[in-house]
mmCIF file of all heavy atoms, coordinates in Angstrom:
data_MODEL
# 
_entry.id   MODEL 
# 
loop_
_atom_site.group_PDB 
_atom_site.id 
_atom_site.type_symbol 
_atom_site.label_atom_id 
_atom_site.label_alt_id 
_atom_site.label_comp_id 
_atom_site.label_asym_id 
_atom_site.label_entity_id 
_atom_site.label_seq_id 
_atom_site.pdbx_PDB_ins_code 
_atom_site.Cartn_x 
_atom_site.Cartn_y 
_atom_site.Cartn_z 
_atom_site.occupancy 
_atom_site.B_iso_or_equiv 
_atom_site.pdbx_formal_charge 
_atom_site.auth_seq_id 
_atom_site.auth_comp_id 
_atom_site.auth_asym_id 
_atom_site.auth_atom_id 
_atom_site.pdbx_PDB_model_num 
ATOM 1   N N   . ASP A 1 1  ? -38.149 12.342 -47.837 1.00 0.00 ? 1  ASP A N   1 
ATOM 2   C CA  . ASP A 1 1  ? -37.630 13.640 -48.394 1.00 0.00 ? 1  ASP A CA  1 
ATOM 3   C C   . ASP A 1 1  ? -38.813 14.582 -48.716 1.00 0.00 ? 1  ASP A C   1 
ATOM 4   O O   . ASP A 1 1  ? -38.515 15.819 -49.153 1.00 0.00 ? 1  ASP A O   1 
ATOM 5   C CB  . ASP A 1 1  ? -36.787 13.384 -49.556 1.00 0.00 ? 1  ASP A CB  1 
ATOM 6   C CG  . ASP A 1 1  ? -35.508 12.631 -49.313 1.00 0.00 ? 1  ASP A CG  1 
ATOM 7   O OD1 . ASP A 1 1  ? -34.986 12.869 -48.191 1.00 0.00 ? 1  ASP A OD1 1 
ATOM 8   O OD2 . ASP A 1 1  ? -35.096 11.856 -50.171 1.00 0.00 ? 1  ASP A OD2 1 
ATOM 9   N N   . LEU A 1 2  ? -40.034 14.091 -48.545 1.00 0.00 ? 2  LEU A N   1 
ATOM 10  C CA  . LEU A 1 2  ? -41.211 14.898 -49.003 1.00 0.00 ? 2  LEU A CA  1 
ATOM 11  C C   . LEU A 1 2  ? -41.066 15.367 -50.342 1.00 0.00 ? 2  LEU A C   1 
ATOM 12  O O   . LEU A 1 2  ? -41.461 16.605 -50.698 1.00 0.00 ? 2  LEU A O   1 
ATOM 13  C CB  . LEU A 1 2  ? -41.450 16.044 -47.984 1.00 0.00 ? 2  LEU A CB  1 
ATOM 14  C CG  . LEU A 1 2  ? -41.687 15.609 -46.514 1.00 0.00 ? 2  LEU A CG  1 
ATOM 15  C CD1 . LEU A 1 2  ? -41.923 16.894 -45.653 1.00 0.00 ? 2  LEU A CD1 1 
ATOM 16  C CD2 . LEU A 1 2  ? -42.837 14.676 -46.395 1.00 0.00 ? 2  LEU A CD2 1 
ATOM 17  N N   . TYR A 1 3  ? -40.584 14.588 -51.222 1.00 0.00 ? 3  TYR A N   1 
ATOM 18  C CA  . TYR A 1 3  ? -40.430 14.943 -52.554 1.00 0.00 ? 3  TYR A CA  1 
ATOM 19  C C   . TYR A 1 3  ? -41.326 14.045 -53.525 1.00 0.00 ? 3  TYR A C   1 
ATOM 20  O O   . TYR A 1 3  ? -41.992 14.624 -54.408 1.00 0.00 ? 3  TYR A O   1 
ATOM 21  C CB  . TYR A 1 3  ? -39.006 14.693 -53.029 1.00 0.00 ? 3  TYR A CB  1 
ATOM 22  C CG  . TYR A 1 3  ? -38.625 15.157 -54.464 1.00 0.00 ? 3  TYR A CG  1 
ATOM 23  C CD1 . TYR A 1 3  ? -38.696 16.484 -54.812 1.00 0.00 ? 3  TYR A CD1 1 
ATOM 24  C CD2 . TYR A 1 3  ? -38.390 14.177 -55.460 1.00 0.00 ? 3  TYR A CD2 1 
ATOM 25  C CE1 . TYR A 1 3  ? -38.389 16.878 -56.091 1.00 0.00 ? 3  TYR A CE1 1 
ATOM 26  C CE2 . TYR A 1 3  ? -38.187 14.591 -56.744 1.00 0.00 ? 3  TYR A CE2 1 
ATOM 27  C CZ  . TYR A 1 3  ? -38.138 15.933 -57.047 1.00 0.00 ? 3  TYR A CZ  1 
ATOM 28  O OH  . TYR A 1 3  ? -37.910 16.400 -58.365 1.00 0.00 ? 3  TYR A OH  1 
ATOM 29  N N   . HIS A 1 4  ? -41.415 12.779 -53.255 1.00 0.00 ? 4  HIS A N   1 
ATOM 30  C CA  . HIS A 1 4  ? -42.179 11.840 -54.061 1.00 0.00 ? 4  HIS A CA  1 
ATOM 31  C C   . HIS A 1 4  ? -43.420 11.449 -53.194 1.00 0.00 ? 4  HIS A C   1 
ATOM 32  O O   . HIS A 1 4  ? -43.364 11.359 -51.950 1.00 0.00 ? 4  HIS A O   1 
ATOM 33  C CB  . HIS A 1 4  ? -41.513 10.603 -54.453 1.00 0.00 ? 4  HIS A CB  1 
ATOM 34  C CG  . HIS A 1 4  ? -40.375 10.869 -55.440 1.00 0.00 ? 4  HIS A CG  1 
ATOM 35  N ND1 . HIS A 1 4  ? -40.615 11.331 -56.711 1.00 0.00 ? 4  HIS A ND1 1 
ATOM 36  C CD2 . HIS A 1 4  ? -39.033 10.868 -55.338 1.00 0.00 ? 4  HIS A CD2 1 
ATOM 37  C CE1 . HIS A 1 4  ? -39.497 11.431 -57.346 1.00 0.00 ? 4  HIS A CE1 1 
ATOM 38  N NE2 . HIS A 1 4  ? -38.496 11.189 -56.542 1.00 0.00 ? 4  HIS A NE2 1 
ATOM 39  N N   . GLY A 1 5  ? -44.543 11.171 -53.946 1.00 0.00 ? 5  GLY A N   1 
ATOM 40  C CA  . GLY A 1 5  ? -45.743 10.811 -53.217 1.00 0.00 ? 5  GLY A CA  1 
ATOM 41  C C   . GLY A 1 5  ? -46.507 9.872  -54.122 1.00 0.00 ? 5  GLY A C   1 
ATOM 42  O O   . GLY A 1 5  ? -46.281 9.722  -55.362 1.00 0.00 ? 5  GLY A O   1 
ATOM 43  N N   . ARG A 1 6  ? -47.449 9.097  -53.535 1.00 0.00 ? 6  ARG A N   1 
ATOM 44  C CA  . ARG A 1 6  ? -48.297 8.142  -54.305 1.00 0.00 ? 6  ARG A CA  1 
ATOM 45  C C   . ARG A 1 6  ? -49.707 8.218  -53.677 1.00 0.00 ? 6  ARG A C   1 
ATOM 46  O O   . ARG A 1 6  ? -49.868 8.250  -52.466 1.00 0.00 ? 6  ARG A O   1 
ATOM 47  C CB  . ARG A 1 6  ? -47.696 6.783  -54.260 1.00 0.00 ? 6  ARG A CB  1 
ATOM 48  C CG  . ARG A 1 6  ? -48.515 5.744  -54.982 1.00 0.00 ? 6  ARG A CG  1 
ATOM 49  C CD  . ARG A 1 6  ? -47.795 4.377  -55.003 1.00 0.00 ? 6  ARG A CD  1 
ATOM 50  N NE  . ARG A 1 6  ? -46.475 4.453  -55.574 1.00 0.00 ? 6  ARG A NE  1 
ATOM 51  C CZ  . ARG A 1 6  ? -45.306 4.272  -54.856 1.00 0.00 ? 6  ARG A CZ  1 
ATOM 52  N NH1 . ARG A 1 6  ? -45.451 3.834  -53.562 1.00 0.00 ? 6  ARG A NH1 1 
ATOM 53  N NH2 . ARG A 1 6  ? -44.159 4.297  -55.426 1.00 0.00 ? 6  ARG A NH2 1 
ATOM 54  N N   . SER A 1 7  ? -50.767 8.134  -54.492 1.00 0.00 ? 7  SER A N   1 
ATOM 55  C CA  . SER A 1 7  ? -52.152 7.944  -53.979 1.00 0.00 ? 7  SER A CA  1 
ATOM 56  C C   . SER A 1 7  ? -52.823 6.904  -54.774 1.00 0.00 ? 7  SER A C   1 
ATOM 57  O O   . SER A 1 7  ? -52.670 6.715  -55.971 1.00 0.00 ? 7  SER A O   1 
ATOM 58  C CB  . SER A 1 7  ? -52.822 9.314  -54.235 1.00 0.00 ? 7  SER A CB  1 
ATOM 59  O OG  . SER A 1 7  ? -54.193 9.251  -53.856 1.00 0.00 ? 7  SER A OG  1 
ATOM 60  N N   . HIS A 1 8  ? -53.566 6.095  -54.010 1.00 0.00 ? 8  HIS A N   1 
ATOM 61  C CA  . HIS A 1 8  ? -54.362 4.971  -54.581 1.00 0.00 ? 8  HIS A CA  1 
ATOM 62  C C   . HIS A 1 8  ? -55.636 4.809  -53.851 1.00 0.00 ? 8  HIS A C   1 
ATOM 63  O O   . HIS A 1 8  ? -55.783 5.208  -52.692 1.00 0.00 ? 8  HIS A O   1 
ATOM 64  C CB  . HIS A 1 8  ? -53.486 3.694  -54.474 1.00 0.00 ? 8  HIS A CB  1 
ATOM 65  C CG  . HIS A 1 8  ? -53.910 2.666  -55.443 1.00 0.00 ? 8  HIS A CG  1 
ATOM 66  N ND1 . HIS A 1 8  ? -54.916 1.780  -55.137 1.00 0.00 ? 8  HIS A ND1 1 
ATOM 67  C CD2 . HIS A 1 8  ? -53.418 2.280  -56.672 1.00 0.00 ? 8  HIS A CD2 1 
ATOM 68  C CE1 . HIS A 1 8  ? -55.059 0.931  -56.178 1.00 0.00 ? 8  HIS A CE1 1 
ATOM 69  N NE2 . HIS A 1 8  ? -54.182 1.234  -57.078 1.00 0.00 ? 8  HIS A NE2 1 
ATOM 70  N N   . SER A 1 9  ? -56.613 4.176  -54.412 1.00 0.00 ? 9  SER A N   1 
ATOM 71  C CA  . SER A 1 9  ? -57.843 3.925  -53.699 1.00 0.00 ? 9  SER A CA  1 
ATOM 72  C C   . SER A 1 9  ? -57.563 2.864  -52.569 1.00 0.00 ? 9  SER A C   1 
ATOM 73  O O   . SER A 1 9  ? -56.675 2.001  -52.808 1.00 0.00 ? 9  SER A O   1 
ATOM 74  C CB  . SER A 1 9  ? -58.853 3.327  -54.702 1.00 0.00 ? 9  SER A CB  1 
ATOM 75  O OG  . SER A 1 9  ? -58.475 2.077  -55.324 1.00 0.00 ? 9  SER A OG  1 
ATOM 76  N N   . CYS A 1 10 ? -58.283 2.965  -51.498 1.00 0.00 ? 10 CYS A N   1 
ATOM 77  C CA  . CYS A 1 10 ? -58.039 2.058  -50.411 1.00 0.00 ? 10 CYS A CA  1 
ATOM 78  C C   . CYS A 1 10 ? -59.408 1.828  -49.649 1.00 0.00 ? 10 CYS A C   1 
ATOM 79  O O   . CYS A 1 10 ? -60.261 2.674  -49.734 1.00 0.00 ? 10 CYS A O   1 
ATOM 80  C CB  . CYS A 1 10 ? -56.963 2.533  -49.451 1.00 0.00 ? 10 CYS A CB  1 
ATOM 81  S SG  . CYS A 1 10 ? -57.479 3.708  -48.344 1.00 0.00 ? 10 CYS A SG  1 
ATOM 82  N N   . LYS A 1 11 ? -59.425 0.784  -48.875 1.00 0.00 ? 11 LYS A N   1 
ATOM 83  C CA  . LYS A 1 11 ? -60.639 0.405  -48.161 1.00 0.00 ? 11 LYS A CA  1 
ATOM 84  C C   . LYS A 1 11 ? -60.969 1.347  -46.990 1.00 0.00 ? 11 LYS A C   1 
ATOM 85  O O   . LYS A 1 11 ? -62.120 1.482  -46.549 1.00 0.00 ? 11 LYS A O   1 
ATOM 86  C CB  . LYS A 1 11 ? -60.599 -1.092 -47.742 1.00 0.00 ? 11 LYS A CB  1 
ATOM 87  C CG  . LYS A 1 11 ? -60.525 -2.058 -48.934 1.00 0.00 ? 11 LYS A CG  1 
ATOM 88  C CD  . LYS A 1 11 ? -60.492 -3.499 -48.362 1.00 0.00 ? 11 LYS A CD  1 
ATOM 89  C CE  . LYS A 1 11 ? -60.521 -4.483 -49.556 1.00 0.00 ? 11 LYS A CE  1 
ATOM 90  N NZ  . LYS A 1 11 ? -60.505 -5.904 -49.029 1.00 0.00 ? 11 LYS A NZ  1 
ATOM 91  N N   . THR A 1 12 ? -59.948 1.836  -46.345 1.00 0.00 ? 12 THR A N   1 
ATOM 92  C CA  . THR A 1 12 ? -60.180 2.652  -45.150 1.00 0.00 ? 12 THR A CA  1 
ATOM 93  C C   . THR A 1 12 ? -61.078 3.840  -45.396 1.00 0.00 ? 12 THR A C   1 
ATOM 94  O O   . THR A 1 12 ? -61.948 4.177  -44.578 1.00 0.00 ? 12 THR A O   1 
ATOM 95  C CB  . THR A 1 12 ? -58.810 3.198  -44.637 1.00 0.00 ? 12 THR A CB  1 
ATOM 96  O OG1 . THR A 1 12 ? -57.895 2.058  -44.518 1.00 0.00 ? 12 THR A OG1 1 
ATOM 97  C CG2 . THR A 1 12 ? -58.929 3.805  -43.284 1.00 0.00 ? 12 THR A CG2 1 
ATOM 98  N N   . PHE A 1 13 ? -60.858 4.565  -46.560 1.00 0.00 ? 13 PHE A N   1 
ATOM 99  C CA  . PHE A 1 13 ? -61.640 5.768  -46.821 1.00 0.00 ? 13 PHE A CA  1 
ATOM 100 C C   . PHE A 1 13 ? -62.473 5.678  -48.093 1.00 0.00 ? 13 PHE A C   1 
ATOM 101 O O   . PHE A 1 13 ? -63.254 6.517  -48.389 1.00 0.00 ? 13 PHE A O   1 
ATOM 102 C CB  . PHE A 1 13 ? -60.619 6.910  -46.989 1.00 0.00 ? 13 PHE A CB  1 
ATOM 103 C CG  . PHE A 1 13 ? -59.812 7.091  -45.768 1.00 0.00 ? 13 PHE A CG  1 
ATOM 104 C CD1 . PHE A 1 13 ? -58.404 6.814  -45.846 1.00 0.00 ? 13 PHE A CD1 1 
ATOM 105 C CD2 . PHE A 1 13 ? -60.370 7.675  -44.679 1.00 0.00 ? 13 PHE A CD2 1 
ATOM 106 C CE1 . PHE A 1 13 ? -57.606 7.037  -44.742 1.00 0.00 ? 13 PHE A CE1 1 
ATOM 107 C CE2 . PHE A 1 13 ? -59.545 7.862  -43.522 1.00 0.00 ? 13 PHE A CE2 1 
ATOM 108 C CZ  . PHE A 1 13 ? -58.185 7.514  -43.566 1.00 0.00 ? 13 PHE A CZ  1 
ATOM 109 N N   . GLY A 1 14 ? -62.395 4.492  -48.832 1.00 0.00 ? 14 GLY A N   1 
ATOM 110 C CA  . GLY A 1 14 ? -63.173 4.355  -50.040 1.00 0.00 ? 14 GLY A CA  1 
ATOM 111 C C   . GLY A 1 14 ? -62.930 5.461  -51.085 1.00 0.00 ? 14 GLY A C   1 
ATOM 112 O O   . GLY A 1 14 ? -63.842 5.855  -51.820 1.00 0.00 ? 14 GLY A O   1 
ATOM 113 N N   . ASN A 1 15 ? -61.722 5.941  -51.107 1.00 0.00 ? 15 ASN A N   1 
ATOM 114 C CA  . ASN A 1 15 ? -61.365 7.101  -51.963 1.00 0.00 ? 15 ASN A CA  1 
ATOM 115 C C   . ASN A 1 15 ? -60.901 6.625  -53.377 1.00 0.00 ? 15 ASN A C   1 
ATOM 116 O O   . ASN A 1 15 ? -60.520 5.486  -53.532 1.00 0.00 ? 15 ASN A O   1 
ATOM 117 C CB  . ASN A 1 15 ? -60.222 7.874  -51.346 1.00 0.00 ? 15 ASN A CB  1 
ATOM 118 C CG  . ASN A 1 15 ? -58.973 7.086  -51.197 1.00 0.00 ? 15 ASN A CG  1 
ATOM 119 O OD1 . ASN A 1 15 ? -58.884 6.155  -50.312 1.00 0.00 ? 15 ASN A OD1 1 
ATOM 120 N ND2 . ASN A 1 15 ? -57.900 7.333  -51.964 1.00 0.00 ? 15 ASN A ND2 1 
ATOM 121 N N   . HIS A 1 16 ? -60.951 7.551  -54.251 1.00 0.00 ? 16 HIS A N   1 
ATOM 122 C CA  . HIS A 1 16 ? -60.218 7.325  -55.556 1.00 0.00 ? 16 HIS A CA  1 
ATOM 123 C C   . HIS A 1 16 ? -58.914 7.987  -55.436 1.00 0.00 ? 16 HIS A C   1 
ATOM 124 O O   . HIS A 1 16 ? -58.562 8.616  -54.378 1.00 0.00 ? 16 HIS A O   1 
ATOM 125 C CB  . HIS A 1 16 ? -61.083 7.826  -56.734 1.00 0.00 ? 16 HIS A CB  1 
ATOM 126 C CG  . HIS A 1 16 ? -61.385 9.291  -56.698 1.00 0.00 ? 16 HIS A CG  1 
ATOM 127 N ND1 . HIS A 1 16 ? -60.468 10.279 -56.730 1.00 0.00 ? 16 HIS A ND1 1 
ATOM 128 C CD2 . HIS A 1 16 ? -62.635 9.891  -56.587 1.00 0.00 ? 16 HIS A CD2 1 
ATOM 129 C CE1 . HIS A 1 16 ? -61.012 11.430 -56.693 1.00 0.00 ? 16 HIS A CE1 1 
ATOM 130 N NE2 . HIS A 1 16 ? -62.325 11.248 -56.614 1.00 0.00 ? 16 HIS A NE2 1 
ATOM 131 N N   . THR A 1 17 ? -58.128 7.939  -56.495 1.00 0.00 ? 17 THR A N   1 
ATOM 132 C CA  . THR A 1 17 ? -56.808 8.601  -56.441 1.00 0.00 ? 17 THR A CA  1 
ATOM 133 C C   . THR A 1 17 ? -56.956 10.060 -56.199 1.00 0.00 ? 17 THR A C   1 
ATOM 134 O O   . THR A 1 17 ? -57.755 10.712 -56.945 1.00 0.00 ? 17 THR A O   1 
ATOM 135 C CB  . THR A 1 17 ? -56.068 8.370  -57.777 1.00 0.00 ? 17 THR A CB  1 
ATOM 136 O OG1 . THR A 1 17 ? -55.902 7.014  -58.073 1.00 0.00 ? 17 THR A OG1 1 
ATOM 137 C CG2 . THR A 1 17 ? -54.664 9.027  -57.738 1.00 0.00 ? 17 THR A CG2 1 
ATOM 138 N N   . LEU A 1 18 ? -56.280 10.598 -55.230 1.00 0.00 ? 18 LEU A N   1 
ATOM 139 C CA  . LEU A 1 18 ? -56.445 12.066 -54.877 1.00 0.00 ? 18 LEU A CA  1 
ATOM 140 C C   . LEU A 1 18 ? -55.761 12.951 -55.810 1.00 0.00 ? 18 LEU A C   1 
ATOM 141 O O   . LEU A 1 18 ? -56.231 14.062 -56.108 1.00 0.00 ? 18 LEU A O   1 
ATOM 142 C CB  . LEU A 1 18 ? -55.816 12.234 -53.453 1.00 0.00 ? 18 LEU A CB  1 
ATOM 143 C CG  . LEU A 1 18 ? -56.472 11.377 -52.377 1.00 0.00 ? 18 LEU A CG  1 
ATOM 144 C CD1 . LEU A 1 18 ? -55.675 11.671 -51.035 1.00 0.00 ? 18 LEU A CD1 1 
ATOM 145 C CD2 . LEU A 1 18 ? -57.951 11.583 -52.209 1.00 0.00 ? 18 LEU A CD2 1 
ATOM 146 N N   . SER A 1 19 ? -54.650 12.566 -56.399 1.00 0.00 ? 19 SER A N   1 
ATOM 147 C CA  . SER A 1 19 ? -53.925 13.317 -57.381 1.00 0.00 ? 19 SER A CA  1 
ATOM 148 C C   . SER A 1 19 ? -54.280 12.979 -58.776 1.00 0.00 ? 19 SER A C   1 
ATOM 149 O O   . SER A 1 19 ? -55.091 12.055 -59.015 1.00 0.00 ? 19 SER A O   1 
ATOM 150 C CB  . SER A 1 19 ? -52.375 13.103 -57.206 1.00 0.00 ? 19 SER A CB  1 
ATOM 151 O OG  . SER A 1 19 ? -52.103 11.735 -57.120 1.00 0.00 ? 19 SER A OG  1 
ATOM 152 N N   . LYS A 1 20 ? -53.788 13.782 -59.763 1.00 0.00 ? 20 LYS A N   1 
ATOM 153 C CA  . LYS A 1 20 ? -54.173 13.434 -61.186 1.00 0.00 ? 20 LYS A CA  1 
ATOM 154 C C   . LYS A 1 20 ? -53.559 12.127 -61.644 1.00 0.00 ? 20 LYS A C   1 
ATOM 155 O O   . LYS A 1 20 ? -54.162 11.391 -62.386 1.00 0.00 ? 20 LYS A O   1 
ATOM 156 C CB  . LYS A 1 20 ? -53.638 14.657 -62.044 1.00 0.00 ? 20 LYS A CB  1 
ATOM 157 C CG  . LYS A 1 20 ? -54.114 14.468 -63.509 1.00 0.00 ? 20 LYS A CG  1 
ATOM 158 C CD  . LYS A 1 20 ? -53.520 15.662 -64.308 1.00 0.00 ? 20 LYS A CD  1 
ATOM 159 C CE  . LYS A 1 20 ? -54.239 16.982 -63.915 1.00 0.00 ? 20 LYS A CE  1 
ATOM 160 N NZ  . LYS A 1 20 ? -53.872 18.087 -64.805 1.00 0.00 ? 20 LYS A NZ  1 
ATOM 161 N N   . GLN A 1 21 ? -52.363 11.917 -61.070 1.00 0.00 ? 21 GLN A N   1 
ATOM 162 C CA  . GLN A 1 21 ? -51.744 10.571 -61.392 1.00 0.00 ? 21 GLN A CA  1 
ATOM 163 C C   . GLN A 1 21 ? -51.372 9.853  -60.084 1.00 0.00 ? 21 GLN A C   1 
ATOM 164 O O   . GLN A 1 21 ? -51.207 10.524 -59.058 1.00 0.00 ? 21 GLN A O   1 
ATOM 165 C CB  . GLN A 1 21 ? -50.458 10.825 -62.210 1.00 0.00 ? 21 GLN A CB  1 
ATOM 166 C CG  . GLN A 1 21 ? -50.644 11.643 -63.430 1.00 0.00 ? 21 GLN A CG  1 
ATOM 167 C CD  . GLN A 1 21 ? -49.417 11.890 -64.197 1.00 0.00 ? 21 GLN A CD  1 
ATOM 168 O OE1 . GLN A 1 21 ? -48.648 10.922 -64.575 1.00 0.00 ? 21 GLN A OE1 1 
ATOM 169 N NE2 . GLN A 1 21 ? -49.055 13.113 -64.373 1.00 0.00 ? 21 GLN A NE2 1 
ATOM 170 N N   . GLU A 1 22 ? -51.307 8.561  -60.048 1.00 0.00 ? 22 GLU A N   1 
ATOM 171 C CA  . GLU A 1 22 ? -50.952 7.809  -58.855 1.00 0.00 ? 22 GLU A CA  1 
ATOM 172 C C   . GLU A 1 22 ? -49.692 8.243  -58.296 1.00 0.00 ? 22 GLU A C   1 
ATOM 173 O O   . GLU A 1 22 ? -49.572 8.458  -57.003 1.00 0.00 ? 22 GLU A O   1 
ATOM 174 C CB  . GLU A 1 22 ? -51.001 6.342  -59.131 1.00 0.00 ? 22 GLU A CB  1 
ATOM 175 C CG  . GLU A 1 22 ? -52.390 5.747  -59.416 1.00 0.00 ? 22 GLU A CG  1 
ATOM 176 C CD  . GLU A 1 22 ? -52.348 4.293  -59.514 1.00 0.00 ? 22 GLU A CD  1 
ATOM 177 O OE1 . GLU A 1 22 ? -51.311 3.579  -59.254 1.00 0.00 ? 22 GLU A OE1 1 
ATOM 178 O OE2 . GLU A 1 22 ? -53.441 3.642  -59.798 1.00 0.00 ? 22 GLU A OE2 1 
ATOM 179 N N   . ASP A 1 23 ? -48.611 8.444  -59.032 1.00 0.00 ? 23 ASP A N   1 
ATOM 180 C CA  . ASP A 1 23 ? -47.346 8.846  -58.583 1.00 0.00 ? 23 ASP A CA  1 
ATOM 181 C C   . ASP A 1 23 ? -47.228 10.358 -58.905 1.00 0.00 ? 23 ASP A C   1 
ATOM 182 O O   . ASP A 1 23 ? -47.509 10.805 -60.005 1.00 0.00 ? 23 ASP A O   1 
ATOM 183 C CB  . ASP A 1 23 ? -46.254 8.134  -59.223 1.00 0.00 ? 23 ASP A CB  1 
ATOM 184 C CG  . ASP A 1 23 ? -46.218 6.662  -58.821 1.00 0.00 ? 23 ASP A CG  1 
ATOM 185 O OD1 . ASP A 1 23 ? -45.847 6.373  -57.636 1.00 0.00 ? 23 ASP A OD1 1 
ATOM 186 O OD2 . ASP A 1 23 ? -46.542 5.718  -59.648 1.00 0.00 ? 23 ASP A OD2 1 
ATOM 187 N N   . PHE A 1 24 ? -46.803 11.101 -57.922 1.00 0.00 ? 24 PHE A N   1 
ATOM 188 C CA  . PHE A 1 24 ? -46.735 12.575 -58.099 1.00 0.00 ? 24 PHE A CA  1 
ATOM 189 C C   . PHE A 1 24 ? -45.448 13.111 -57.394 1.00 0.00 ? 24 PHE A C   1 
ATOM 190 O O   . PHE A 1 24 ? -44.889 12.463 -56.587 1.00 0.00 ? 24 PHE A O   1 
ATOM 191 C CB  . PHE A 1 24 ? -47.935 13.243 -57.619 1.00 0.00 ? 24 PHE A CB  1 
ATOM 192 C CG  . PHE A 1 24 ? -48.251 13.028 -56.093 1.00 0.00 ? 24 PHE A CG  1 
ATOM 193 C CD1 . PHE A 1 24 ? -47.686 13.907 -55.147 1.00 0.00 ? 24 PHE A CD1 1 
ATOM 194 C CD2 . PHE A 1 24 ? -49.078 12.028 -55.720 1.00 0.00 ? 24 PHE A CD2 1 
ATOM 195 C CE1 . PHE A 1 24 ? -47.856 13.651 -53.764 1.00 0.00 ? 24 PHE A CE1 1 
ATOM 196 C CE2 . PHE A 1 24 ? -49.364 11.844 -54.364 1.00 0.00 ? 24 PHE A CE2 1 
ATOM 197 C CZ  . PHE A 1 24 ? -48.768 12.663 -53.446 1.00 0.00 ? 24 PHE A CZ  1 
# 
């Protein structure tokens, strides 16, 4: 629904959480 999202660190990109909170 492009309403809920989630961001987490992962090995593919070595990123930290992109948003302020993991669930947004």
